[in-house]
C-alpha cells in the first residue's frame, strides 16, 4: 500500500474530479458516495461517518477526518496521506495535529 500511496504524491487536486474522498477511494475499497464534493464537505463528512466505524486511536490503516471537513489515510498512527489544494501529500500525524484541532479516526474494513 505504501508504494501505491507514494506513487500518488504530487497528483493534482481537482475540486470536481479528484478531491480528498476521491483519493481515499483510489487507495482503499471504500464505497462511492453520491454527490460528494468539496463544496459540501461538512455534509459529506456525515455520509462518511455513517459508513465507517469510529475508533479512538488510529490503527495500521485508518481513515482520518480532520476538522469535520477533510479526510485522508493514516498509516501506523504516524503519517497521513491526503489530497488538498496542494495535491496528494504525506505529512506526519504530529504535523496534522498542529494544523487541525479535531481529528476523528475510522476503521477501514476492506471486506477481504
C-alpha atoms as a PDB file:
ATOM      1  CA  UNK A   1       0.000   0.000   0.000  1.00  0.00           C
ATOM      2  CA  UNK A   2       2.812   2.437   0.828  1.00  0.00           C
ATOM      3  CA  UNK A   3       4.169   2.150  -2.722  1.00  0.00           C
ATOM      4  CA  UNK A   4       0.716   2.944  -4.142  1.00  0.00           C
ATOM      5  CA  UNK A   5       0.370   5.919  -1.800  1.00  0.00           C
ATOM      6  CA  UNK A   6       3.846   7.239  -2.572  1.00  0.00           C
ATOM      7  CA  UNK A   7       3.218   6.887  -6.314  1.00  0.00           C
ATOM      8  CA  UNK A   8       0.303   9.336  -5.962  1.00  0.00           C
ATOM      9  CA  UNK A   9       2.265  12.052  -4.155  1.00  0.00           C
ATOM     10  CA  UNK A  10       2.017  15.212  -6.202  1.00  0.00           C
ATOM     11  CA  UNK A  11      -1.096  14.115  -8.114  1.00  0.00           C
ATOM     12  CA  UNK A  12      -3.074  17.257  -8.724  1.00  0.00           C
ATOM     13  CA  UNK A  13      -6.134  18.128  -6.715  1.00  0.00           C
ATOM     14  CA  UNK A  14      -9.282  18.849  -8.714  1.00  0.00           C
ATOM     15  CA  UNK A  15     -12.249  20.275  -6.822  1.00  0.00           C
ATOM     16  CA  UNK A  16     -14.743  18.496  -9.111  1.00  0.00           C
ATOM     17  CA  UNK A  17     -12.963  15.283 -10.061  1.00  0.00           C
ATOM     18  CA  UNK A  18     -10.186  14.445  -7.589  1.00  0.00           C
ATOM     19  CA  UNK A  19     -10.604  15.703  -4.050  1.00  0.00           C
ATOM     20  CA  UNK A  20      -9.852  14.064  -0.685  1.00  0.00           C
ATOM     21  CA  UNK A  21     -12.574  11.409  -0.867  1.00  0.00           C
ATOM     22  CA  UNK A  22     -11.648  10.511  -4.445  1.00  0.00           C
ATOM     23  CA  UNK A  23      -8.106   9.979  -3.193  1.00  0.00           C
ATOM     24  CA  UNK A  24      -9.102   7.523  -0.460  1.00  0.00           C
ATOM     25  CA  UNK A  25     -11.400   5.738  -2.925  1.00  0.00           C
ATOM     26  CA  UNK A  26      -8.410   5.264  -5.245  1.00  0.00           C
ATOM     27  CA  UNK A  27      -6.389   3.555  -2.498  1.00  0.00           C
ATOM     28  CA  UNK A  28      -8.967   1.823  -0.311  1.00  0.00           C
ATOM     29  CA  UNK A  29     -12.003  -0.199  -1.263  1.00  0.00           C
ATOM     30  CA  UNK A  30     -14.459   2.332   0.130  1.00  0.00           C
ATOM     31  CA  UNK A  31     -17.954   2.855  -1.238  1.00  0.00           C
ATOM     32  CA  UNK A  32     -18.723   5.602  -3.680  1.00  0.00           C
ATOM     33  CA  UNK A  33     -20.925   8.237  -2.162  1.00  0.00           C
ATOM     34  CA  UNK A  34     -23.454  10.104  -4.235  1.00  0.00           C
ATOM     35  CA  UNK A  35     -22.881  13.829  -4.621  1.00  0.00           C
ATOM     36  CA  UNK A  36     -19.681  14.033  -2.591  1.00  0.00           C
ATOM     37  CA  UNK A  37     -17.976  17.342  -3.284  1.00  0.00           C
ATOM     38  CA  UNK A  38     -15.650  19.807  -1.666  1.00  0.00           C
ATOM     39  CA  UNK A  39     -18.361  22.458  -1.726  1.00  0.00           C
ATOM     40  CA  UNK A  40     -20.428  20.310   0.634  1.00  0.00           C
ATOM     41  CA  UNK A  41     -17.589  18.928   2.746  1.00  0.00           C
ATOM     42  CA  UNK A  42     -19.334  19.468   6.081  1.00  0.00           C
ATOM     43  CA  UNK A  43     -22.378  17.483   4.923  1.00  0.00           C
ATOM     44  CA  UNK A  44     -20.245  14.828   3.243  1.00  0.00           C
ATOM     45  CA  UNK A  45     -18.433  14.021   6.483  1.00  0.00           C
ATOM     46  CA  UNK A  46     -21.781  12.913   7.906  1.00  0.00           C
ATOM     47  CA  UNK A  47     -22.010  10.443   4.999  1.00  0.00           C
ATOM     48  CA  UNK A  48     -18.554   9.063   5.812  1.00  0.00           C
ATOM     49  CA  UNK A  49     -19.322   8.666   9.495  1.00  0.00           C
ATOM     50  CA  UNK A  50     -22.382   6.570   8.664  1.00  0.00           C
ATOM     51  CA  UNK A  51     -20.400   4.008   6.632  1.00  0.00           C
ATOM     52  CA  UNK A  52     -17.184   3.744   8.675  1.00  0.00           C
ATOM     53  CA  UNK A  53     -16.658   2.544  12.241  1.00  0.00           C
ATOM     54  CA  UNK A  54     -15.354   5.252  14.563  1.00  0.00           C
ATOM     55  CA  UNK A  55     -12.299   4.262  16.645  1.00  0.00           C
ATOM     56  CA  UNK A  56     -10.443   6.048  19.440  1.00  0.00           C
ATOM     57  CA  UNK A  57      -6.888   5.653  18.158  1.00  0.00           C
ATOM     58  CA  UNK A  58      -5.517   5.065  14.662  1.00  0.00           C
ATOM     59  CA  UNK A  59      -4.791   1.530  13.537  1.00  0.00           C
ATOM     60  CA  UNK A  60      -2.305   0.229  10.964  1.00  0.00           C
ATOM     61  CA  UNK A  61      -4.514   1.750   8.237  1.00  0.00           C
ATOM     62  CA  UNK A  62      -7.257   4.170   9.265  1.00  0.00           C
ATOM     63  CA  UNK A  63      -9.345   6.839   7.663  1.00  0.00           C
ATOM     64  CA  UNK A  64      -8.795  10.166   9.385  1.00  0.00           C
ATOM     65  CA  UNK A  65     -11.291  13.009   9.434  1.00  0.00           C
ATOM     66  CA  UNK A  66      -9.819  16.455  10.006  1.00  0.00           C
ATOM     67  CA  UNK A  67     -11.928  19.293  11.437  1.00  0.00           C
ATOM     68  CA  UNK A  68     -15.068  17.691  10.065  1.00  0.00           C
ATOM     69  CA  UNK A  69     -14.261  18.807   6.541  1.00  0.00           C
ATOM     70  CA  UNK A  70     -11.340  16.808   5.180  1.00  0.00           C
ATOM     71  CA  UNK A  71     -10.369  13.112   5.048  1.00  0.00           C
ATOM     72  CA  UNK A  72      -7.177  11.189   4.478  1.00  0.00           C
ATOM     73  CA  UNK A  73      -5.463   7.894   5.214  1.00  0.00           C
ATOM     74  CA  UNK A  74      -3.496   7.470   8.433  1.00  0.00           C
ATOM     75  CA  UNK A  75      -0.738   4.859   8.311  1.00  0.00           C
ATOM     76  CA  UNK A  76       0.582   3.235  11.510  1.00  0.00           C
ATOM     77  CA  UNK A  77      -0.584   6.195  13.594  1.00  0.00           C
ATOM     78  CA  UNK A  78       2.388   8.192  12.370  1.00  0.00           C
ATOM     79  CA  UNK A  79       1.734   9.566   8.872  1.00  0.00           C
ATOM     80  CA  UNK A  80      -1.249  10.928   6.980  1.00  0.00           C
ATOM     81  CA  UNK A  81      -1.656  10.824   3.226  1.00  0.00           C
ATOM     82  CA  UNK A  82      -4.255  13.264   1.965  1.00  0.00           C
ATOM     83  CA  UNK A  83      -5.266  15.328  -1.031  1.00  0.00           C
ATOM     84  CA  UNK A  84      -5.941  19.033  -0.691  1.00  0.00           C
ATOM     85  CA  UNK A  85      -5.352  22.158  -2.774  1.00  0.00           C
ATOM     86  CA  UNK A  86      -1.621  21.349  -2.784  1.00  0.00           C
ATOM     87  CA  UNK A  87      -2.220  17.891  -4.272  1.00  0.00           C
ATOM     88  CA  UNK A  88      -1.590  14.488  -2.744  1.00  0.00           C
ATOM     89  CA  UNK A  89       0.997  14.597   0.002  1.00  0.00           C
ATOM     90  CA  UNK A  90       2.208  12.818   3.103  1.00  0.00           C
ATOM     91  CA  UNK A  91       2.587  14.558   6.450  1.00  0.00           C
ATOM     92  CA  UNK A  92       3.443  13.361   9.916  1.00  0.00           C
ATOM     93  CA  UNK A  93       0.478  12.896  12.231  1.00  0.00           C
ATOM     94  CA  UNK A  94       2.197  15.377  14.518  1.00  0.00           C
ATOM     95  CA  UNK A  95       2.059  17.994  11.762  1.00  0.00           C
ATOM     96  CA  UNK A  96      -1.597  17.199  11.076  1.00  0.00           C
ATOM     97  CA  UNK A  97      -2.419  17.617  14.775  1.00  0.00           C
ATOM     98  CA  UNK A  98      -0.830  21.075  14.672  1.00  0.00           C
ATOM     99  CA  UNK A  99      -2.972  22.071  11.667  1.00  0.00           C
ATOM    100  CA  UNK A 100      -6.319  20.561  12.632  1.00  0.00           C
ATOM    101  CA  UNK A 101      -7.943  20.898  16.037  1.00  0.00           C
ATOM    102  CA  UNK A 102     -10.381  17.978  15.741  1.00  0.00           C
ATOM    103  CA  UNK A 103      -9.305  14.579  14.442  1.00  0.00           C
ATOM    104  CA  UNK A 104     -11.532  11.520  14.217  1.00  0.00           C
ATOM    105  CA  UNK A 105     -10.349   8.072  13.186  1.00  0.00           C
ATOM    106  CA  UNK A 106     -12.343   5.408  11.406  1.00  0.00           C
ATOM    107  CA  UNK A 107     -11.660   1.730  10.926  1.00  0.00           C
ATOM    108  CA  UNK A 108     -11.038   0.672   7.377  1.00  0.00           C
ATOM    109  CA  UNK A 109     -12.590  -2.675   6.601  1.00  0.00           C
ATOM    110  CA  UNK A 110     -11.834  -3.863   3.098  1.00  0.00           C
ATOM    111  CA  UNK A 111     -14.082  -6.922   3.263  1.00  0.00           C
ATOM    112  CA  UNK A 112     -11.211  -9.293   2.409  1.00  0.00           C
END
